[in-house]
C-alpha atoms as a PDB file:
ATOM      1  CA  MET A   1     186.771 134.982 140.927  1.00  0.00           C
ATOM      2  CA  ASP A   2     190.314 133.919 140.165  1.00  0.00           C
ATOM      3  CA  GLN A   3     190.887 130.293 141.204  1.00  0.00           C
ATOM      4  CA  LYS A   4     194.594 131.057 141.774  1.00  0.00           C
ATOM      5  CA  ARG A   5     193.780 133.526 144.538  1.00  0.00           C
ATOM      6  CA  PRO A   6     191.371 131.715 146.884  1.00  0.00           C
ATOM      7  CA  GLY A   7     190.111 133.995 149.629  1.00  0.00           C
ATOM      8  CA  ALA A   8     191.736 137.015 147.987  1.00  0.00           C
ATOM      9  CA  GLN A   9     190.036 140.378 147.849  1.00  0.00           C
ATOM     10  CA  PRO A  10     188.126 140.524 144.509  1.00  0.00           C
ATOM     11  CA  GLN A  11     189.595 143.066 142.076  1.00  0.00           C
ATOM     12  CA  ILE A  12     186.912 144.535 139.816  1.00  0.00           C
ATOM     13  CA  GLY A  13     187.674 147.029 137.072  1.00  0.00           C
ATOM     14  CA  SER A  14     185.208 149.157 135.122  1.00  0.00           C
ATOM     15  CA  LEU A  15     186.407 150.564 131.823  1.00  0.00           C
ATOM     16  CA  ILE A  16     185.442 154.200 131.263  1.00  0.00           C
ATOM     17  CA  PHE A  17     185.753 156.030 127.965  1.00  0.00           C
ATOM     18  CA  PRO A  18     184.481 159.161 126.195  1.00  0.00           C
ATOM     19  CA  GLN A  19     180.740 159.070 125.473  1.00  0.00           C
ATOM     20  CA  ILE A  20     180.101 156.286 127.999  1.00  0.00           C
ATOM     21  CA  ASP A  21     176.548 155.901 129.254  1.00  0.00           C
ATOM     22  CA  GLN A  22     177.068 157.050 132.843  1.00  0.00           C
ATOM     23  CA  ILE A  23     174.277 154.909 134.285  1.00  0.00           C
ATOM     24  CA  ASP A  24     175.835 151.766 132.774  1.00  0.00           C
ATOM     25  CA  PHE A  25     178.996 152.602 134.720  1.00  0.00           C
ATOM     26  CA  THR A  26     177.680 154.019 137.985  1.00  0.00           C
ATOM     27  CA  GLY A  27     174.725 151.663 138.395  1.00  0.00           C
ATOM     28  CA  THR A  28     176.896 148.597 138.011  1.00  0.00           C
ATOM     29  CA  PHE A  29     179.649 150.154 140.135  1.00  0.00           C
ATOM     30  CA  GLU A  30     177.093 150.564 142.921  1.00  0.00           C
ATOM     31  CA  VAL A  31     176.308 146.842 142.785  1.00  0.00           C
ATOM     32  CA  PHE A  32     179.962 145.743 142.600  1.00  0.00           C
ATOM     33  CA  SER A  33     180.924 148.034 145.469  1.00  0.00           C
ATOM     34  CA  ARG A  34     178.618 146.027 147.754  1.00  0.00           C
ATOM     35  CA  ILE A  35     180.554 142.790 147.258  1.00  0.00           C
ATOM     36  CA  PRO A  36     182.320 142.164 150.576  1.00  0.00           C
ATOM     37  CA  ASN A  37     186.010 143.135 150.500  1.00  0.00           C
ATOM     38  CA  ALA A  38     185.915 143.965 146.783  1.00  0.00           C
ATOM     39  CA  THR A  39     188.122 146.643 145.295  1.00  0.00           C
ATOM     40  CA  CYS A  40     186.374 148.505 142.477  1.00  0.00           C
ATOM     41  CA  LEU A  41     188.495 150.565 140.093  1.00  0.00           C
ATOM     42  CA  SER A  42     187.671 152.878 137.224  1.00  0.00           C
ATOM     43  CA  ILE A  43     190.093 152.261 134.356  1.00  0.00           C
ATOM     44  CA  ALA A  44     190.787 154.157 131.141  1.00  0.00           C
ATOM     45  CA  LYS A  45     193.307 154.131 128.342  1.00  0.00           C
ATOM     46  CA  GLU A  46     194.804 157.390 129.597  1.00  0.00           C
ATOM     47  CA  ARG A  47     194.637 159.502 132.736  1.00  0.00           C
ATOM     48  CA  GLY A  48     192.480 162.590 132.727  1.00  0.00           C
ATOM     49  CA  PRO A  49     188.818 163.508 132.836  1.00  0.00           C
ATOM     50  CA  LEU A  50     186.415 162.004 130.306  1.00  0.00           C
ATOM     51  CA  ARG A  51     182.966 163.248 129.377  1.00  0.00           C
ATOM     52  CA  ASP A  52     180.058 160.862 129.231  1.00  0.00           C
ATOM     53  CA  GLY A  53     177.307 161.107 126.618  1.00  0.00           C
ATOM     54  CA  ARG A  54     175.637 163.942 128.586  1.00  0.00           C
ATOM     55  CA  GLU A  55     178.858 165.883 129.380  1.00  0.00           C
ATOM     56  CA  LEU A  56     179.280 164.566 132.934  1.00  0.00           C
ATOM     57  CA  ILE A  57     182.974 164.420 133.793  1.00  0.00           C
ATOM     58  CA  LEU A  58     184.360 161.085 134.991  1.00  0.00           C
ATOM     59  CA  THR A  59     187.987 160.535 136.009  1.00  0.00           C
ATOM     60  CA  PRO A  60     189.725 157.142 135.929  1.00  0.00           C
ATOM     61  CA  GLU A  61     191.786 155.887 138.869  1.00  0.00           C
ATOM     62  CA  LYS A  62     194.127 153.715 136.788  1.00  0.00           C
ATOM     63  CA  THR A  63     195.317 153.383 133.210  1.00  0.00           C
ATOM     64  CA  PHE A  64     195.668 150.105 131.333  1.00  0.00           C
ATOM     65  CA  SER A  65     199.360 149.922 132.204  1.00  0.00           C
ATOM     66  CA  GLU A  66     198.765 150.669 135.902  1.00  0.00           C
ATOM     67  CA  VAL A  67     196.136 148.039 136.556  1.00  0.00           C
ATOM     68  CA  GLY A  68     197.176 144.751 138.082  1.00  0.00           C
ATOM     69  CA  GLN A  69     195.348 141.460 137.841  1.00  0.00           C
ATOM     70  CA  LEU A  70     191.564 141.742 137.737  1.00  0.00           C
ATOM     71  CA  ASP A  71     188.999 139.133 138.649  1.00  0.00           C
ATOM     72  CA  LEU A  72     186.311 140.891 136.650  1.00  0.00           C
ATOM     73  CA  LEU A  73     186.377 143.527 133.909  1.00  0.00           C
ATOM     74  CA  HIS A  74     183.167 145.467 133.361  1.00  0.00           C
ATOM     75  CA  VAL A  75     182.765 147.265 130.015  1.00  0.00           C
ATOM     76  CA  PRO A  76     179.722 149.577 130.132  1.00  0.00           C
ATOM     77  CA  GLY A  77     177.792 150.685 127.089  1.00  0.00           C
ATOM     78  CA  GLY A  78     177.108 154.020 125.499  1.00  0.00           C
ATOM     79  CA  PRO A  79     177.700 155.647 122.121  1.00  0.00           C
ATOM     80  CA  GLY A  80     181.450 155.734 122.755  1.00  0.00           C
ATOM     81  CA  GLN A  81     181.719 151.951 122.852  1.00  0.00           C
ATOM     82  CA  GLU A  82     181.595 151.851 119.049  1.00  0.00           C
ATOM     83  CA  ALA A  83     184.978 153.607 118.867  1.00  0.00           C
ATOM     84  CA  LEU A  84     186.390 151.039 121.317  1.00  0.00           C
ATOM     85  CA  MET A  85     185.678 148.251 118.841  1.00  0.00           C
ATOM     86  CA  ASP A  86     188.275 149.772 116.494  1.00  0.00           C
ATOM     87  CA  ASP A  87     190.813 150.738 119.161  1.00  0.00           C
ATOM     88  CA  GLU A  88     193.650 148.189 119.124  1.00  0.00           C
ATOM     89  CA  GLU A  89     195.079 149.263 122.499  1.00  0.00           C
ATOM     90  CA  THR A  90     191.704 148.885 124.219  1.00  0.00           C
ATOM     91  CA  LEU A  91     190.973 145.563 122.539  1.00  0.00           C
ATOM     92  CA  SER A  92     194.416 144.258 123.541  1.00  0.00           C
ATOM     93  CA  PHE A  93     193.778 145.308 127.130  1.00  0.00           C
ATOM     94  CA  ILE A  94     190.418 143.536 127.198  1.00  0.00           C
ATOM     95  CA  VAL A  95     191.913 140.347 125.734  1.00  0.00           C
ATOM     96  CA  CYS A  96     194.880 140.382 128.150  1.00  0.00           C
ATOM     97  CA  VAL A  97     192.608 140.791 131.166  1.00  0.00           C
ATOM     98  CA  SER A  98     190.245 138.027 130.057  1.00  0.00           C
END
């Protein structure tokens, strides 16, 4: 957790993207959501529904520009993560949050 915010409510963001492996997102989200007083957010590059690798529709709560300071950024796996490795906006977001 952020040392500058002792006792603060943990802010946890999970990045979602097209072709995400849903279980990598939802399984971890289930664990994070059990951290006392934690706020868990789903984050994407843009607003709007995204389809996972099996066509399940997921909708982000916040975009990169809308998210405040995070204590933890979770980047799930899935076939779509390969495209993220070449996406400058996504990589910049990950680096800025780190």
